[in-house]
mmCIF file of all heavy atoms, coordinates in Angstrom:
data_MODEL
# 
_entry.id   MODEL 
# 
loop_
_atom_site.group_PDB 
_atom_site.id 
_atom_site.type_symbol 
_atom_site.label_atom_id 
_atom_site.label_alt_id 
_atom_site.label_comp_id 
_atom_site.label_asym_id 
_atom_site.label_entity_id 
_atom_site.label_seq_id 
_atom_site.pdbx_PDB_ins_code 
_atom_site.Cartn_x 
_atom_site.Cartn_y 
_atom_site.Cartn_z 
_atom_site.occupancy 
_atom_site.B_iso_or_equiv 
_atom_site.pdbx_formal_charge 
_atom_site.auth_seq_id 
_atom_site.auth_comp_id 
_atom_site.auth_asym_id 
_atom_site.auth_atom_id 
_atom_site.pdbx_PDB_model_num 
ATOM 1   N N   . PHE A 1 1  ? -14.469 -17.571 -10.479 1.00 0.00 ? 1  PHE A N   1 
ATOM 2   C CA  . PHE A 1 1  ? -13.392 -17.659 -11.466 1.00 0.00 ? 1  PHE A CA  1 
ATOM 3   C C   . PHE A 1 1  ? -12.255 -16.709 -11.101 1.00 0.00 ? 1  PHE A C   1 
ATOM 4   O O   . PHE A 1 1  ? -11.076 -17.065 -11.215 1.00 0.00 ? 1  PHE A O   1 
ATOM 5   C CB  . PHE A 1 1  ? -13.919 -17.313 -12.859 1.00 0.00 ? 1  PHE A CB  1 
ATOM 6   C CG  . PHE A 1 1  ? -12.885 -17.468 -13.942 1.00 0.00 ? 1  PHE A CG  1 
ATOM 7   C CD1 . PHE A 1 1  ? -12.675 -18.701 -14.546 1.00 0.00 ? 1  PHE A CD1 1 
ATOM 8   C CD2 . PHE A 1 1  ? -12.109 -16.393 -14.338 1.00 0.00 ? 1  PHE A CD2 1 
ATOM 9   C CE1 . PHE A 1 1  ? -11.709 -18.855 -15.528 1.00 0.00 ? 1  PHE A CE1 1 
ATOM 10  C CE2 . PHE A 1 1  ? -11.143 -16.533 -15.323 1.00 0.00 ? 1  PHE A CE2 1 
ATOM 11  C CZ  . PHE A 1 1  ? -10.944 -17.767 -15.918 1.00 0.00 ? 1  PHE A CZ  1 
ATOM 12  N N   . SER A 1 2  ? -12.611 -15.511 -10.668 1.00 0.00 ? 2  SER A N   1 
ATOM 13  C CA  . SER A 1 2  ? -11.591 -14.518 -10.356 1.00 0.00 ? 2  SER A CA  1 
ATOM 14  C C   . SER A 1 2  ? -12.097 -13.586 -9.265  1.00 0.00 ? 2  SER A C   1 
ATOM 15  O O   . SER A 1 2  ? -13.307 -13.481 -9.024  1.00 0.00 ? 2  SER A O   1 
ATOM 16  C CB  . SER A 1 2  ? -11.212 -13.711 -11.600 1.00 0.00 ? 2  SER A CB  1 
ATOM 17  O OG  . SER A 1 2  ? -12.334 -12.993 -12.084 1.00 0.00 ? 2  SER A OG  1 
ATOM 18  N N   . ILE A 1 3  ? -11.154 -12.903 -8.616  1.00 0.00 ? 3  ILE A N   1 
ATOM 19  C CA  . ILE A 1 3  ? -11.470 -11.978 -7.532  1.00 0.00 ? 3  ILE A CA  1 
ATOM 20  C C   . ILE A 1 3  ? -10.779 -10.648 -7.812  1.00 0.00 ? 3  ILE A C   1 
ATOM 21  O O   . ILE A 1 3  ? -9.570  -10.607 -8.064  1.00 0.00 ? 3  ILE A O   1 
ATOM 22  C CB  . ILE A 1 3  ? -10.998 -12.533 -6.167  1.00 0.00 ? 3  ILE A CB  1 
ATOM 23  C CG1 . ILE A 1 3  ? -11.755 -13.819 -5.821  1.00 0.00 ? 3  ILE A CG1 1 
ATOM 24  C CG2 . ILE A 1 3  ? -11.178 -11.485 -5.063  1.00 0.00 ? 3  ILE A CG2 1 
ATOM 25  C CD1 . ILE A 1 3  ? -11.241 -14.516 -4.572  1.00 0.00 ? 3  ILE A CD1 1 
ATOM 26  N N   . HIS A 1 4  ? -11.543 -9.570  -7.786  1.00 0.00 ? 4  HIS A N   1 
ATOM 27  C CA  . HIS A 1 4  ? -10.961 -8.243  -7.903  1.00 0.00 ? 4  HIS A CA  1 
ATOM 28  C C   . HIS A 1 4  ? -10.485 -7.786  -6.532  1.00 0.00 ? 4  HIS A C   1 
ATOM 29  O O   . HIS A 1 4  ? -11.239 -7.831  -5.551  1.00 0.00 ? 4  HIS A O   1 
ATOM 30  C CB  . HIS A 1 4  ? -11.993 -7.246  -8.437  1.00 0.00 ? 4  HIS A CB  1 
ATOM 31  C CG  . HIS A 1 4  ? -12.100 -7.231  -9.920  1.00 0.00 ? 4  HIS A CG  1 
ATOM 32  N ND1 . HIS A 1 4  ? -12.853 -6.305  -10.610 1.00 0.00 ? 4  HIS A ND1 1 
ATOM 33  C CD2 . HIS A 1 4  ? -11.540 -8.024  -10.878 1.00 0.00 ? 4  HIS A CD2 1 
ATOM 34  C CE1 . HIS A 1 4  ? -12.758 -6.530  -11.911 1.00 0.00 ? 4  HIS A CE1 1 
ATOM 35  N NE2 . HIS A 1 4  ? -11.965 -7.568  -12.088 1.00 0.00 ? 4  HIS A NE2 1 
ATOM 36  N N   . LEU A 1 5  ? -9.236  -7.329  -6.490  1.00 0.00 ? 5  LEU A N   1 
ATOM 37  C CA  . LEU A 1 5  ? -8.652  -6.855  -5.244  1.00 0.00 ? 5  LEU A CA  1 
ATOM 38  C C   . LEU A 1 5  ? -8.578  -5.337  -5.221  1.00 0.00 ? 5  LEU A C   1 
ATOM 39  O O   . LEU A 1 5  ? -8.102  -4.716  -6.177  1.00 0.00 ? 5  LEU A O   1 
ATOM 40  C CB  . LEU A 1 5  ? -7.246  -7.419  -5.074  1.00 0.00 ? 5  LEU A CB  1 
ATOM 41  C CG  . LEU A 1 5  ? -7.102  -8.901  -4.734  1.00 0.00 ? 5  LEU A CG  1 
ATOM 42  C CD1 . LEU A 1 5  ? -5.627  -9.271  -4.677  1.00 0.00 ? 5  LEU A CD1 1 
ATOM 43  C CD2 . LEU A 1 5  ? -7.786  -9.234  -3.409  1.00 0.00 ? 5  LEU A CD2 1 
ATOM 44  N N   . LYS A 1 6  ? -9.029  -4.757  -4.138  1.00 0.00 ? 6  LYS A N   1 
ATOM 45  C CA  . LYS A 1 6  ? -8.855  -3.338  -3.841  1.00 0.00 ? 6  LYS A CA  1 
ATOM 46  C C   . LYS A 1 6  ? -8.935  -3.192  -2.342  1.00 0.00 ? 6  LYS A C   1 
ATOM 47  O O   . LYS A 1 6  ? -9.438  -4.089  -1.653  1.00 0.00 ? 6  LYS A O   1 
ATOM 48  C CB  . LYS A 1 6  ? -9.915  -2.487  -4.549  1.00 0.00 ? 6  LYS A CB  1 
ATOM 49  C CG  . LYS A 1 6  ? -11.358 -2.928  -4.305  1.00 0.00 ? 6  LYS A CG  1 
ATOM 50  C CD  . LYS A 1 6  ? -12.350 -1.984  -4.955  1.00 0.00 ? 6  LYS A CD  1 
ATOM 51  C CE  . LYS A 1 6  ? -12.262 -1.977  -6.470  1.00 0.00 ? 6  LYS A CE  1 
ATOM 52  N NZ  . LYS A 1 6  ? -12.869 -3.201  -7.062  1.00 0.00 ? 6  LYS A NZ  1 
ATOM 53  N N   . ASP A 1 7  ? -8.445  -2.113  -1.798  1.00 0.00 ? 7  ASP A N   1 
ATOM 54  C CA  . ASP A 1 7  ? -8.498  -1.888  -0.358  1.00 0.00 ? 7  ASP A CA  1 
ATOM 55  C C   . ASP A 1 7  ? -9.495  -0.770  -0.081  1.00 0.00 ? 7  ASP A C   1 
ATOM 56  O O   . ASP A 1 7  ? -9.343  0.349   -0.581  1.00 0.00 ? 7  ASP A O   1 
ATOM 57  C CB  . ASP A 1 7  ? -7.117  -1.508  0.183   1.00 0.00 ? 7  ASP A CB  1 
ATOM 58  C CG  . ASP A 1 7  ? -6.994  -1.743  1.683   1.00 0.00 ? 7  ASP A CG  1 
ATOM 59  O OD1 . ASP A 1 7  ? -8.006  -2.104  2.315   1.00 0.00 ? 7  ASP A OD1 1 
ATOM 60  O OD2 . ASP A 1 7  ? -5.882  -1.575  2.230   1.00 0.00 ? 7  ASP A OD2 1 
ATOM 61  N N   . LYS A 1 8  ? -10.538 -1.107  0.674   1.00 0.00 ? 8  LYS A N   1 
ATOM 62  C CA  . LYS A 1 8  ? -11.580 -0.127  0.985   1.00 0.00 ? 8  LYS A CA  1 
ATOM 63  C C   . LYS A 1 8  ? -11.865 -0.120  2.480   1.00 0.00 ? 8  LYS A C   1 
ATOM 64  O O   . LYS A 1 8  ? -11.527 -1.069  3.195   1.00 0.00 ? 8  LYS A O   1 
ATOM 65  C CB  . LYS A 1 8  ? -12.892 -0.472  0.240   1.00 0.00 ? 8  LYS A CB  1 
ATOM 66  C CG  . LYS A 1 8  ? -12.763 -0.515  -1.264  1.00 0.00 ? 8  LYS A CG  1 
ATOM 67  C CD  . LYS A 1 8  ? -14.116 -0.672  -1.939  1.00 0.00 ? 8  LYS A CD  1 
ATOM 68  C CE  . LYS A 1 8  ? -14.875 0.636   -1.948  1.00 0.00 ? 8  LYS A CE  1 
ATOM 69  N NZ  . LYS A 1 8  ? -16.069 0.594   -2.807  1.00 0.00 ? 8  LYS A NZ  1 
ATOM 70  N N   . THR A 1 9  ? -12.491 0.935   2.916   1.00 0.00 ? 9  THR A N   1 
ATOM 71  C CA  . THR A 1 9  ? -13.036 0.932   4.266   1.00 0.00 ? 9  THR A CA  1 
ATOM 72  C C   . THR A 1 9  ? -14.371 0.201   4.235   1.00 0.00 ? 9  THR A C   1 
ATOM 73  O O   . THR A 1 9  ? -14.983 0.047   3.174   1.00 0.00 ? 9  THR A O   1 
ATOM 74  C CB  . THR A 1 9  ? -13.249 2.371   4.780   1.00 0.00 ? 9  THR A CB  1 
ATOM 75  O OG1 . THR A 1 9  ? -14.138 3.059   3.879   1.00 0.00 ? 9  THR A OG1 1 
ATOM 76  C CG2 . THR A 1 9  ? -11.923 3.126   4.854   1.00 0.00 ? 9  THR A CG2 1 
ATOM 77  N N   . GLY A 1 10 ? -14.828 -0.249  5.399   1.00 0.00 ? 10 GLY A N   1 
ATOM 78  C CA  . GLY A 1 10 ? -16.051 -1.035  5.461   1.00 0.00 ? 10 GLY A CA  1 
ATOM 79  C C   . GLY A 1 10 ? -17.310 -0.189  5.525   1.00 0.00 ? 10 GLY A C   1 
ATOM 80  O O   . GLY A 1 10 ? -17.274 1.056   5.523   1.00 0.00 ? 10 GLY A O   1 
ATOM 81  N N   . LYS A 1 11 ? -18.405 -0.863  5.609   1.00 0.00 ? 11 LYS A N   1 
ATOM 82  C CA  . LYS A 1 11 ? -19.729 -0.224  5.584   1.00 0.00 ? 11 LYS A CA  1 
ATOM 83  C C   . LYS A 1 11 ? -19.919 0.760   6.725   1.00 0.00 ? 11 LYS A C   1 
ATOM 84  O O   . LYS A 1 11 ? -20.545 1.812   6.549   1.00 0.00 ? 11 LYS A O   1 
ATOM 85  C CB  . LYS A 1 11 ? -20.803 -1.315  5.634   1.00 0.00 ? 11 LYS A CB  1 
ATOM 86  C CG  . LYS A 1 11 ? -22.233 -0.790  5.638   1.00 0.00 ? 11 LYS A CG  1 
ATOM 87  C CD  . LYS A 1 11 ? -23.222 -1.941  5.734   1.00 0.00 ? 11 LYS A CD  1 
ATOM 88  C CE  . LYS A 1 11 ? -24.656 -1.432  5.744   1.00 0.00 ? 11 LYS A CE  1 
ATOM 89  N NZ  . LYS A 1 11 ? -25.620 -2.560  5.866   1.00 0.00 ? 11 LYS A NZ  1 
ATOM 90  N N   . ASN A 1 12 ? -19.405 0.438   7.904   1.00 0.00 ? 12 ASN A N   1 
ATOM 91  C CA  . ASN A 1 12 ? -19.650 1.263   9.083   1.00 0.00 ? 12 ASN A CA  1 
ATOM 92  C C   . ASN A 1 12 ? -18.438 2.088   9.502   1.00 0.00 ? 12 ASN A C   1 
ATOM 93  O O   . ASN A 1 12 ? -18.410 2.650   10.593  1.00 0.00 ? 12 ASN A O   1 
ATOM 94  C CB  . ASN A 1 12 ? -20.090 0.371   10.249  1.00 0.00 ? 12 ASN A CB  1 
ATOM 95  C CG  . ASN A 1 12 ? -21.379 -0.372  9.938   1.00 0.00 ? 12 ASN A CG  1 
ATOM 96  O OD1 . ASN A 1 12 ? -22.323 0.200   9.401   1.00 0.00 ? 12 ASN A OD1 1 
ATOM 97  N ND2 . ASN A 1 12 ? -21.409 -1.666  10.236  1.00 0.00 ? 12 ASN A ND2 1 
ATOM 98  N N   . ALA A 1 13 ? -17.442 2.161   8.627   1.00 0.00 ? 13 ALA A N   1 
ATOM 99  C CA  . ALA A 1 13 ? -16.248 2.941   8.936   1.00 0.00 ? 13 ALA A CA  1 
ATOM 100 C C   . ALA A 1 13 ? -16.513 4.430   8.686   1.00 0.00 ? 13 ALA A C   1 
ATOM 101 O O   . ALA A 1 13 ? -17.565 4.821   8.182   1.00 0.00 ? 13 ALA A O   1 
ATOM 102 C CB  . ALA A 1 13 ? -15.082 2.463   8.081   1.00 0.00 ? 13 ALA A CB  1 
ATOM 103 N N   . ASN A 1 14 ? -15.558 5.255   9.047   1.00 0.00 ? 14 ASN A N   1 
ATOM 104 C CA  . ASN A 1 14 ? -15.663 6.693   8.798   1.00 0.00 ? 14 ASN A CA  1 
ATOM 105 C C   . ASN A 1 14 ? -14.335 7.180   8.210   1.00 0.00 ? 14 ASN A C   1 
ATOM 106 O O   . ASN A 1 14 ? -13.352 7.254   8.932   1.00 0.00 ? 14 ASN A O   1 
ATOM 107 C CB  . ASN A 1 14 ? -15.976 7.443   10.092  1.00 0.00 ? 14 ASN A CB  1 
ATOM 108 C CG  . ASN A 1 14 ? -16.191 8.936   9.842   1.00 0.00 ? 14 ASN A CG  1 
ATOM 109 O OD1 . ASN A 1 14 ? -16.482 9.342   8.722   1.00 0.00 ? 14 ASN A OD1 1 
ATOM 110 N ND2 . ASN A 1 14 ? -16.022 9.737   10.891  1.00 0.00 ? 14 ASN A ND2 1 
ATOM 111 N N   . PRO A 1 15 ? -14.287 7.457   6.904   1.00 0.00 ? 15 PRO A N   1 
ATOM 112 C CA  . PRO A 1 15 ? -15.386 7.421   5.949   1.00 0.00 ? 15 PRO A CA  1 
ATOM 113 C C   . PRO A 1 15 ? -15.737 5.980   5.554   1.00 0.00 ? 15 PRO A C   1 
ATOM 114 O O   . PRO A 1 15 ? -14.859 5.111   5.550   1.00 0.00 ? 15 PRO A O   1 
ATOM 115 C CB  . PRO A 1 15 ? -14.840 8.187   4.752   1.00 0.00 ? 15 PRO A CB  1 
ATOM 116 C CG  . PRO A 1 15 ? -13.361 7.931   4.809   1.00 0.00 ? 15 PRO A CG  1 
ATOM 117 C CD  . PRO A 1 15 ? -13.024 7.891   6.271   1.00 0.00 ? 15 PRO A CD  1 
ATOM 118 N N   . ALA A 1 16 ? -16.983 5.744   5.213   1.00 0.00 ? 16 ALA A N   1 
ATOM 119 C CA  . ALA A 1 16 ? -17.448 4.402   4.869   1.00 0.00 ? 16 ALA A CA  1 
ATOM 120 C C   . ALA A 1 16 ? -17.229 4.119   3.382   1.00 0.00 ? 16 ALA A C   1 
ATOM 121 O O   . ALA A 1 16 ? -17.259 5.025   2.551   1.00 0.00 ? 16 ALA A O   1 
ATOM 122 C CB  . ALA A 1 16 ? -18.923 4.263   5.209   1.00 0.00 ? 16 ALA A CB  1 
ATOM 123 N N   . ASN A 1 17 ? -16.999 2.832   3.069   1.00 0.00 ? 17 ASN A N   1 
ATOM 124 C CA  . ASN A 1 17 ? -16.977 2.348   1.691   1.00 0.00 ? 17 ASN A CA  1 
ATOM 125 C C   . ASN A 1 17 ? -16.139 3.252   0.781   1.00 0.00 ? 17 ASN A C   1 
ATOM 126 O O   . ASN A 1 17 ? -16.599 3.733   -0.247  1.00 0.00 ? 17 ASN A O   1 
ATOM 127 C CB  . ASN A 1 17 ? -18.426 2.254   1.163   1.00 0.00 ? 17 ASN A CB  1 
ATOM 128 C CG  . ASN A 1 17 ? -18.508 1.536   -0.173  1.00 0.00 ? 17 ASN A CG  1 
ATOM 129 O OD1 . ASN A 1 17 ? -17.667 0.722   -0.505  1.00 0.00 ? 17 ASN A OD1 1 
ATOM 130 N ND2 . ASN A 1 17 ? -19.535 1.857   -0.940  1.00 0.00 ? 17 ASN A ND2 1 
ATOM 131 N N   . THR A 1 18 ? -14.896 3.467   1.181   1.00 0.00 ? 18 THR A N   1 
ATOM 132 C CA  . THR A 1 18 ? -14.032 4.401   0.463   1.00 0.00 ? 18 THR A CA  1 
ATOM 133 C C   . THR A 1 18 ? -12.766 3.698   -0.005  1.00 0.00 ? 18 THR A C   1 
ATOM 134 O O   . THR A 1 18 ? -12.122 2.987   0.762   1.00 0.00 ? 18 THR A O   1 
ATOM 135 C CB  . THR A 1 18 ? -13.650 5.583   1.383   1.00 0.00 ? 18 THR A CB  1 
ATOM 136 O OG1 . THR A 1 18 ? -14.849 6.244   1.804   1.00 0.00 ? 18 THR A OG1 1 
ATOM 137 C CG2 . THR A 1 18 ? -12.765 6.582   0.665   1.00 0.00 ? 18 THR A CG2 1 
ATOM 138 N N   . ASN A 1 19 ? -12.405 3.895   -1.269  1.00 0.00 ? 19 ASN A N   1 
ATOM 139 C CA  . ASN A 1 19 ? -11.172 3.329   -1.801  1.00 0.00 ? 19 ASN A CA  1 
ATOM 140 C C   . ASN A 1 19 ? -9.970  3.994   -1.163  1.00 0.00 ? 19 ASN A C   1 
ATOM 141 O O   . ASN A 1 19 ? -9.895  5.223   -1.065  1.00 0.00 ? 19 ASN A O   1 
ATOM 142 C CB  . ASN A 1 19 ? -11.115 3.521   -3.327  1.00 0.00 ? 19 ASN A CB  1 
ATOM 143 C CG  . ASN A 1 19 ? -12.099 2.654   -4.067  1.00 0.00 ? 19 ASN A CG  1 
ATOM 144 O OD1 . ASN A 1 19 ? -12.063 1.435   -3.957  1.00 0.00 ? 19 ASN A OD1 1 
ATOM 145 N ND2 . ASN A 1 19 ? -12.988 3.274   -4.833  1.00 0.00 ? 19 ASN A ND2 1 
ATOM 146 N N   . MET A 1 20 ? -9.000  3.170   -0.756  1.00 0.00 ? 20 MET A N   1 
ATOM 147 C CA  . MET A 1 20 ? -7.813  3.661   -0.074  1.00 0.00 ? 20 MET A CA  1 
ATOM 148 C C   . MET A 1 20 ? -6.560  3.047   -0.707  1.00 0.00 ? 20 MET A C   1 
ATOM 149 O O   . MET A 1 20 ? -6.619  1.964   -1.292  1.00 0.00 ? 20 MET A O   1 
ATOM 150 C CB  . MET A 1 20 ? -7.855  3.261   1.405   1.00 0.00 ? 20 MET A CB  1 
ATOM 151 C CG  . MET A 1 20 ? -9.075  3.747   2.161   1.00 0.00 ? 20 MET A CG  1 
ATOM 152 S SD  . MET A 1 20 ? -9.098  5.526   2.428   1.00 0.00 ? 20 MET A SD  1 
ATOM 153 C CE  . MET A 1 20 ? -7.844  5.665   3.715   1.00 0.00 ? 20 MET A CE  1 
ATOM 154 N N   . PRO A 1 21 ? -5.398  3.741   -0.594  1.00 0.00 ? 21 PRO A N   1 
ATOM 155 C CA  . PRO A 1 21 ? -4.148  3.079   -0.977  1.00 0.00 ? 21 PRO A CA  1 
ATOM 156 C C   . PRO A 1 21 ? -4.003  1.788   -0.188  1.00 0.00 ? 21 PRO A C   1 
ATOM 157 O O   . PRO A 1 21 ? -4.375  1.717   0.981   1.00 0.00 ? 21 PRO A O   1 
ATOM 158 C CB  . PRO A 1 21 ? -3.078  4.104   -0.566  1.00 0.00 ? 21 PRO A CB  1 
ATOM 159 C CG  . PRO A 1 21 ? -3.778  5.419   -0.603  1.00 0.00 ? 21 PRO A CG  1 
ATOM 160 C CD  . PRO A 1 21 ? -5.186  5.134   -0.147  1.00 0.00 ? 21 PRO A CD  1 
ATOM 161 N N   . TRP A 1 22 ? -3.460  0.772   -0.828  1.00 0.00 ? 22 TRP A N   1 
ATOM 162 C CA  . TRP A 1 22 ? -3.388  -0.546  -0.185  1.00 0.00 ? 22 TRP A CA  1 
ATOM 163 C C   . TRP A 1 22 ? -2.572  -0.469  1.103   1.00 0.00 ? 22 TRP A C   1 
ATOM 164 O O   . TRP A 1 22 ? -1.486  0.105   1.138   1.00 0.00 ? 22 TRP A O   1 
ATOM 165 C CB  . TRP A 1 22 ? -2.782  -1.549  -1.153  1.00 0.00 ? 22 TRP A CB  1 
ATOM 166 C CG  . TRP A 1 22 ? -3.737  -1.945  -2.247  1.00 0.00 ? 22 TRP A CG  1 
ATOM 167 C CD1 . TRP A 1 22 ? -4.743  -1.190  -2.786  1.00 0.00 ? 22 TRP A CD1 1 
ATOM 168 C CD2 . TRP A 1 22 ? -3.774  -3.185  -2.941  1.00 0.00 ? 22 TRP A CD2 1 
ATOM 169 N NE1 . TRP A 1 22 ? -5.385  -1.890  -3.768  1.00 0.00 ? 22 TRP A NE1 1 
ATOM 170 C CE2 . TRP A 1 22 ? -4.817  -3.121  -3.885  1.00 0.00 ? 22 TRP A CE2 1 
ATOM 171 C CE3 . TRP A 1 22 ? -3.024  -4.340  -2.869  1.00 0.00 ? 22 TRP A CE3 1 
ATOM 172 C CZ2 . TRP A 1 22 ? -5.126  -4.157  -4.747  1.00 0.00 ? 22 TRP A CZ2 1 
ATOM 173 C CZ3 . TRP A 1 22 ? -3.320  -5.392  -3.722  1.00 0.00 ? 22 TRP A CZ3 1 
ATOM 174 C CH2 . TRP A 1 22 ? -4.366  -5.306  -4.654  1.00 0.00 ? 22 TRP A CH2 1 
ATOM 175 N N   . GLY A 1 23 ? -3.136  -1.061  2.135   1.00 0.00 ? 23 GLY A N   1 
ATOM 176 C CA  . GLY A 1 23 ? -2.523  -1.018  3.449   1.00 0.00 ? 23 GLY A CA  1 
ATOM 177 C C   . GLY A 1 23 ? -3.119  0.047   4.346   1.00 0.00 ? 23 GLY A C   1 
ATOM 178 O O   . GLY A 1 23 ? -2.891  0.049   5.552   1.00 0.00 ? 23 GLY A O   1 
ATOM 179 N N   . GLN A 1 24 ? -3.927  0.949   3.772   1.00 0.00 ? 24 GLN A N   1 
ATOM 180 C CA  . GLN A 1 24 ? -4.554  2.008   4.564   1.00 0.00 ? 24 GLN A CA  1 
ATOM 181 C C   . GLN A 1 24 ? -6.051  1.788   4.763   1.00 0.00 ? 24 GLN A C   1 
ATOM 182 O O   . GLN A 1 24 ? -6.683  2.484   5.540   1.00 0.00 ? 24 GLN A O   1 
ATOM 183 C CB  . GLN A 1 24 ? -4.319  3.375   3.903   1.00 0.00 ? 24 GLN A CB  1 
ATOM 184 C CG  . GLN A 1 24 ? -2.857  3.773   3.858   1.00 0.00 ? 24 GLN A CG  1 
ATOM 185 C CD  . GLN A 1 24 ? -2.642  5.140   3.242   1.00 0.00 ? 24 GLN A CD  1 
ATOM 186 O OE1 . GLN A 1 24 ? -3.521  5.996   3.280   1.00 0.00 ? 24 GLN A OE1 1 
ATOM 187 N NE2 . GLN A 1 24 ? -1.465  5.354   2.654   1.00 0.00 ? 24 GLN A NE2 1 
# 
């Protein structure tokens, strides 16, 4: 029905699974 949008790093990134300003 709907999709929540946020920009995060991925599971294997450093730092992992972290909320970031959009575009970063």
